[in-house]
PDB file of N, CA and C in Angstrom:
ATOM      1  N   UNK A   1      -4.414   5.458  18.722  1.00  0.00           N
ATOM      2  CA  UNK A   1      -4.094   4.065  18.518  1.00  0.00           C
ATOM      3  C   UNK A   1      -5.023   3.201  19.352  1.00  0.00           C
ATOM      4  N   UNK A   2      -5.377   2.079  18.810  1.00  0.00           N
ATOM      5  CA  UNK A   2      -6.266   1.137  19.472  1.00  0.00           C
ATOM      6  C   UNK A   2      -5.476  -0.104  19.855  1.00  0.00           C
ATOM      7  N   UNK A   3      -5.346  -0.392  21.136  1.00  0.00           N
ATOM      8  CA  UNK A   3      -4.576  -1.565  21.564  1.00  0.00           C
ATOM      9  C   UNK A   3      -5.173  -2.863  21.022  1.00  0.00           C
ATOM     10  N   UNK A   4      -4.305  -3.730  20.514  1.00  0.00           N
ATOM     11  CA  UNK A   4      -4.748  -5.035  20.028  1.00  0.00           C
ATOM     12  C   UNK A   4      -5.416  -5.015  18.666  1.00  0.00           C
ATOM     13  N   UNK A   5      -5.436  -3.863  17.996  1.00  0.00           N
ATOM     14  CA  UNK A   5      -6.075  -3.750  16.686  1.00  0.00           C
ATOM     15  C   UNK A   5      -5.003  -3.514  15.628  1.00  0.00           C
ATOM     16  N   UNK A   6      -5.030  -4.301  14.551  1.00  0.00           N
ATOM     17  CA  UNK A   6      -4.095  -4.112  13.438  1.00  0.00           C
ATOM     18  C   UNK A   6      -4.724  -3.164  12.425  1.00  0.00           C
ATOM     19  N   UNK A   7      -3.948  -2.217  11.942  1.00  0.00           N
ATOM     20  CA  UNK A   7      -4.419  -1.259  10.946  1.00  0.00           C
ATOM     21  C   UNK A   7      -3.585  -1.437   9.683  1.00  0.00           C
ATOM     22  N   UNK A   8      -4.249  -1.602   8.539  1.00  0.00           N
ATOM     23  CA  UNK A   8      -3.566  -1.816   7.262  1.00  0.00           C
ATOM     24  C   UNK A   8      -4.022  -0.770   6.256  1.00  0.00           C
ATOM     25  N   UNK A   9      -3.087  -0.284   5.448  1.00  0.00           N
ATOM     26  CA  UNK A   9      -3.405   0.612   4.346  1.00  0.00           C
ATOM     27  C   UNK A   9      -3.397  -0.221   3.072  1.00  0.00           C
ATOM     28  N   UNK A  10      -4.543  -0.301   2.392  1.00  0.00           N
ATOM     29  CA  UNK A  10      -4.653  -1.037   1.134  1.00  0.00           C
ATOM     30  C   UNK A  10      -4.824  -0.029   0.014  1.00  0.00           C
ATOM     31  N   UNK A  11      -4.083  -0.210  -1.071  1.00  0.00           N
ATOM     32  CA  UNK A  11      -4.088   0.745  -2.171  1.00  0.00           C
ATOM     33  C   UNK A  11      -4.396   0.024  -3.470  1.00  0.00           C
ATOM     34  N   UNK A  12      -5.176   0.659  -4.311  1.00  0.00           N
ATOM     35  CA  UNK A  12      -5.463   0.119  -5.625  1.00  0.00           C
ATOM     36  C   UNK A  12      -6.178   1.152  -6.465  1.00  0.00           C
ATOM     37  N   UNK A  13      -6.177   0.988  -7.778  1.00  0.00           N
ATOM     38  CA  UNK A  13      -6.838   1.949  -8.654  1.00  0.00           C
ATOM     39  C   UNK A  13      -8.353   1.899  -8.479  1.00  0.00           C
ATOM     40  N   UNK A  14      -8.972   3.053  -8.369  1.00  0.00           N
ATOM     41  CA  UNK A  14     -10.422   3.089  -8.142  1.00  0.00           C
ATOM     42  C   UNK A  14     -11.202   2.534  -9.322  1.00  0.00           C
ATOM     43  N   UNK A  15     -10.671   2.682 -10.540  1.00  0.00           N
ATOM     44  CA  UNK A  15     -11.405   2.177 -11.699  1.00  0.00           C
ATOM     45  C   UNK A  15     -11.451   0.652 -11.730  1.00  0.00           C
ATOM     46  N   UNK A  16     -10.547  -0.013 -11.013  1.00  0.00           N
ATOM     47  CA  UNK A  16     -10.536  -1.475 -10.987  1.00  0.00           C
ATOM     48  C   UNK A  16     -11.169  -2.035  -9.717  1.00  0.00           C
ATOM     49  N   UNK A  17     -11.285  -1.212  -8.675  1.00  0.00           N
ATOM     50  CA  UNK A  17     -11.879  -1.617  -7.396  1.00  0.00           C
ATOM     51  C   UNK A  17     -11.225  -2.875  -6.819  1.00  0.00           C
ATOM     52  N   UNK A  18      -9.890  -2.908  -6.871  1.00  0.00           N
ATOM     53  CA  UNK A  18      -9.140  -4.026  -6.303  1.00  0.00           C
ATOM     54  C   UNK A  18      -7.996  -3.485  -5.456  1.00  0.00           C
ATOM     55  N   UNK A  19      -7.468  -4.312  -4.576  1.00  0.00           N
ATOM     56  CA  UNK A  19      -6.292  -3.947  -3.798  1.00  0.00           C
ATOM     57  C   UNK A  19      -5.055  -4.450  -4.528  1.00  0.00           C
ATOM     58  N   UNK A  20      -4.053  -3.589  -4.654  1.00  0.00           N
ATOM     59  CA  UNK A  20      -2.831  -3.938  -5.362  1.00  0.00           C
ATOM     60  C   UNK A  20      -1.651  -3.992  -4.405  1.00  0.00           C
ATOM     61  N   UNK A  21      -1.623  -3.066  -3.451  1.00  0.00           N
ATOM     62  CA  UNK A  21      -0.545  -3.039  -2.468  1.00  0.00           C
ATOM     63  C   UNK A  21      -1.138  -2.966  -1.070  1.00  0.00           C
ATOM     64  N   UNK A  22      -0.332  -3.367  -0.097  1.00  0.00           N
ATOM     65  CA  UNK A  22      -0.782  -3.335   1.297  1.00  0.00           C
ATOM     66  C   UNK A  22       0.389  -2.971   2.193  1.00  0.00           C
ATOM     67  N   UNK A  23       0.089  -2.258   3.288  1.00  0.00           N
ATOM     68  CA  UNK A  23       1.105  -1.891   4.268  1.00  0.00           C
ATOM     69  C   UNK A  23       0.491  -1.970   5.653  1.00  0.00           C
ATOM     70  N   UNK A  24       1.195  -2.616   6.573  1.00  0.00           N
ATOM     71  CA  UNK A  24       0.747  -2.735   7.962  1.00  0.00           C
ATOM     72  C   UNK A  24       1.160  -1.470   8.707  1.00  0.00           C
ATOM     73  N   UNK A  25       0.206  -0.623   9.041  1.00  0.00           N
ATOM     74  CA  UNK A  25       0.484   0.659   9.712  1.00  0.00           C
ATOM     75  C   UNK A  25       0.478   0.546  11.226  1.00  0.00           C
ATOM     76  N   UNK A  26       0.302  -0.622  11.769  1.00  0.00           N
ATOM     77  CA  UNK A  26       0.149  -0.741  13.216  1.00  0.00           C
ATOM     78  C   UNK A  26       1.469  -0.894  13.959  1.00  0.00           C
ATOM     79  N   UNK A  27       2.592  -0.827  13.247  1.00  0.00           N
ATOM     80  CA  UNK A  27       3.899  -0.956  13.895  1.00  0.00           C
ATOM     81  C   UNK A  27       4.262   0.274  14.711  1.00  0.00           C
ATOM     82  N   UNK A  28       5.278   0.159  15.551  1.00  0.00           N
ATOM     83  CA  UNK A  28       5.658   1.275  16.421  1.00  0.00           C
ATOM     84  C   UNK A  28       6.376   2.412  15.689  1.00  0.00           C
ATOM     85  N   UNK A  29       6.990   2.131  14.540  1.00  0.00           N
ATOM     86  CA  UNK A  29       7.760   3.151  13.815  1.00  0.00           C
ATOM     87  C   UNK A  29       7.033   3.581  12.548  1.00  0.00           C
ATOM     88  N   UNK A  30       5.955   4.315  12.690  1.00  0.00           N
ATOM     89  CA  UNK A  30       5.201   4.756  11.525  1.00  0.00           C
ATOM     90  C   UNK A  30       5.772   6.068  10.994  1.00  0.00           C
ATOM     91  N   UNK A  31       5.924   6.193   9.671  1.00  0.00           N
ATOM     92  CA  UNK A  31       6.453   7.427   9.082  1.00  0.00           C
ATOM     93  C   UNK A  31       5.407   8.544   9.092  1.00  0.00           C
ATOM     94  N   UNK A  32       5.836   9.759   8.766  1.00  0.00           N
ATOM     95  CA  UNK A  32       4.915  10.896   8.703  1.00  0.00           C
ATOM     96  C   UNK A  32       3.891  10.750   7.583  1.00  0.00           C
ATOM     97  N   UNK A  33       4.298  10.168   6.463  1.00  0.00           N
ATOM     98  CA  UNK A  33       3.359   9.915   5.374  1.00  0.00           C
ATOM     99  C   UNK A  33       3.184   8.406   5.229  1.00  0.00           C
ATOM    100  N   UNK A  34       1.992   7.996   4.861  1.00  0.00           N
ATOM    101  CA  UNK A  34       1.677   6.570   4.768  1.00  0.00           C
ATOM    102  C   UNK A  34       2.116   6.013   3.420  1.00  0.00           C
ATOM    103  N   UNK A  35       3.014   5.023   3.405  1.00  0.00           N
ATOM    104  CA  UNK A  35       3.417   4.416   2.132  1.00  0.00           C
ATOM    105  C   UNK A  35       2.292   3.568   1.541  1.00  0.00           C
ATOM    106  N   UNK A  36       2.341   3.351   0.227  1.00  0.00           N
ATOM    107  CA  UNK A  36       1.314   2.514  -0.387  1.00  0.00           C
ATOM    108  C   UNK A  36       1.572   1.040  -0.128  1.00  0.00           C
ATOM    109  N   UNK A  37       2.756   0.682   0.310  1.00  0.00           N
ATOM    110  CA  UNK A  37       3.036  -0.691   0.705  1.00  0.00           C
ATOM    111  C   UNK A  37       3.709  -1.521  -0.362  1.00  0.00           C
ATOM    112  N   UNK A  38       3.621  -2.819  -0.172  1.00  0.00           N
ATOM    113  CA  UNK A  38       4.239  -3.801  -1.068  1.00  0.00           C
ATOM    114  C   UNK A  38       3.140  -4.507  -1.850  1.00  0.00           C
ATOM    115  N   UNK A  39       3.487  -5.108  -2.995  1.00  0.00           N
ATOM    116  CA  UNK A  39       2.478  -5.837  -3.764  1.00  0.00           C
ATOM    117  C   UNK A  39       1.831  -6.941  -2.927  1.00  0.00           C
ATOM    118  N   UNK A  40       0.539  -7.138  -3.126  1.00  0.00           N
ATOM    119  CA  UNK A  40      -0.147  -8.227  -2.436  1.00  0.00           C
ATOM    120  C   UNK A  40       0.351  -9.553  -3.001  1.00  0.00           C
ATOM    121  N   UNK A  41       0.032 -10.648  -2.351  1.00  0.00           N
ATOM    122  CA  UNK A  41       0.547 -11.974  -2.712  1.00  0.00           C
ATOM    123  C   UNK A  41       0.333 -12.305  -4.189  1.00  0.00           C
ATOM    124  N   UNK A  42       1.355 -12.886  -4.781  1.00  0.00           N
ATOM    125  CA  UNK A  42       1.323 -13.373  -6.166  1.00  0.00           C
ATOM    126  C   UNK A  42       1.092 -12.273  -7.198  1.00  0.00           C
ATOM    127  N   UNK A  43       1.532 -11.046  -6.903  1.00  0.00           N
ATOM    128  CA  UNK A  43       1.402  -9.949  -7.863  1.00  0.00           C
ATOM    129  C   UNK A  43       2.719  -9.190  -7.973  1.00  0.00           C
ATOM    130  N   UNK A  44       2.824  -8.373  -9.007  1.00  0.00           N
ATOM    131  CA  UNK A  44       3.946  -7.454  -9.200  1.00  0.00           C
ATOM    132  C   UNK A  44       3.359  -6.078  -9.476  1.00  0.00           C
ATOM    133  N   UNK A  45       4.125  -5.053  -9.158  1.00  0.00           N
ATOM    134  CA  UNK A  45       3.712  -3.706  -9.540  1.00  0.00           C
ATOM    135  C   UNK A  45       4.839  -3.058 -10.329  1.00  0.00           C
ATOM    136  N   UNK A  46       4.471  -2.162 -11.201  1.00  0.00           N
ATOM    137  CA  UNK A  46       5.425  -1.387 -11.977  1.00  0.00           C
ATOM    138  C   UNK A  46       5.063   0.076 -11.778  1.00  0.00           C
ATOM    139  N   UNK A  47       5.974   0.851 -11.198  1.00  0.00           N
ATOM    140  CA  UNK A  47       5.748   2.278 -10.997  1.00  0.00           C
ATOM    141  C   UNK A  47       6.381   3.022 -12.160  1.00  0.00           C
ATOM    142  N   UNK A  48       5.558   3.728 -12.927  1.00  0.00           N
ATOM    143  CA  UNK A  48       6.015   4.414 -14.127  1.00  0.00           C
ATOM    144  C   UNK A  48       5.795   5.913 -14.004  1.00  0.00           C
ATOM    145  N   UNK A  49       6.619   6.675 -14.733  1.00  0.00           N
ATOM    146  CA  UNK A  49       6.451   8.123 -14.736  1.00  0.00           C
ATOM    147  C   UNK A  49       5.459   8.526 -15.834  1.00  0.00           C
ATOM    148  N   UNK A  50       5.345   9.811 -16.085  1.00  0.00           N
ATOM    149  CA  UNK A  50       4.395  10.316 -17.079  1.00  0.00           C
ATOM    150  C   UNK A  50       4.711   9.841 -18.495  1.00  0.00           C
ATOM    151  N   UNK A  51       5.942   9.375 -18.726  1.00  0.00           N
ATOM    152  CA  UNK A  51       6.354   8.878 -20.042  1.00  0.00           C
ATOM    153  C   UNK A  51       6.369   7.352 -20.100  1.00  0.00           C
ATOM    154  N   UNK A  52       5.686   6.726 -19.151  1.00  0.00           N
ATOM    155  CA  UNK A  52       5.602   5.264 -19.076  1.00  0.00           C
ATOM    156  C   UNK A  52       6.967   4.613 -18.888  1.00  0.00           C
ATOM    157  N   UNK A  53       7.864   5.303 -18.184  1.00  0.00           N
ATOM    158  CA  UNK A  53       9.198   4.791 -17.891  1.00  0.00           C
ATOM    159  C   UNK A  53       9.309   4.493 -16.398  1.00  0.00           C
ATOM    160  N   UNK A  54      10.091   3.461 -16.036  1.00  0.00           N
ATOM    161  CA  UNK A  54      10.259   3.141 -14.603  1.00  0.00           C
ATOM    162  C   UNK A  54      10.901   4.278 -13.833  1.00  0.00           C
TER     163      UNK A  54
END
């Protein structure tokens, strides 16, 4: 850990080269696996299964 440095995980599809979700990983209670985060400002995400169902 680097004191005074904020670390963020940004996630997005590589074919679009954009960020879709973001998560601030610099908090004191970090999980074992890194979540993809929440939608970035003014966006929505839909997580679908292999059958295009929520």
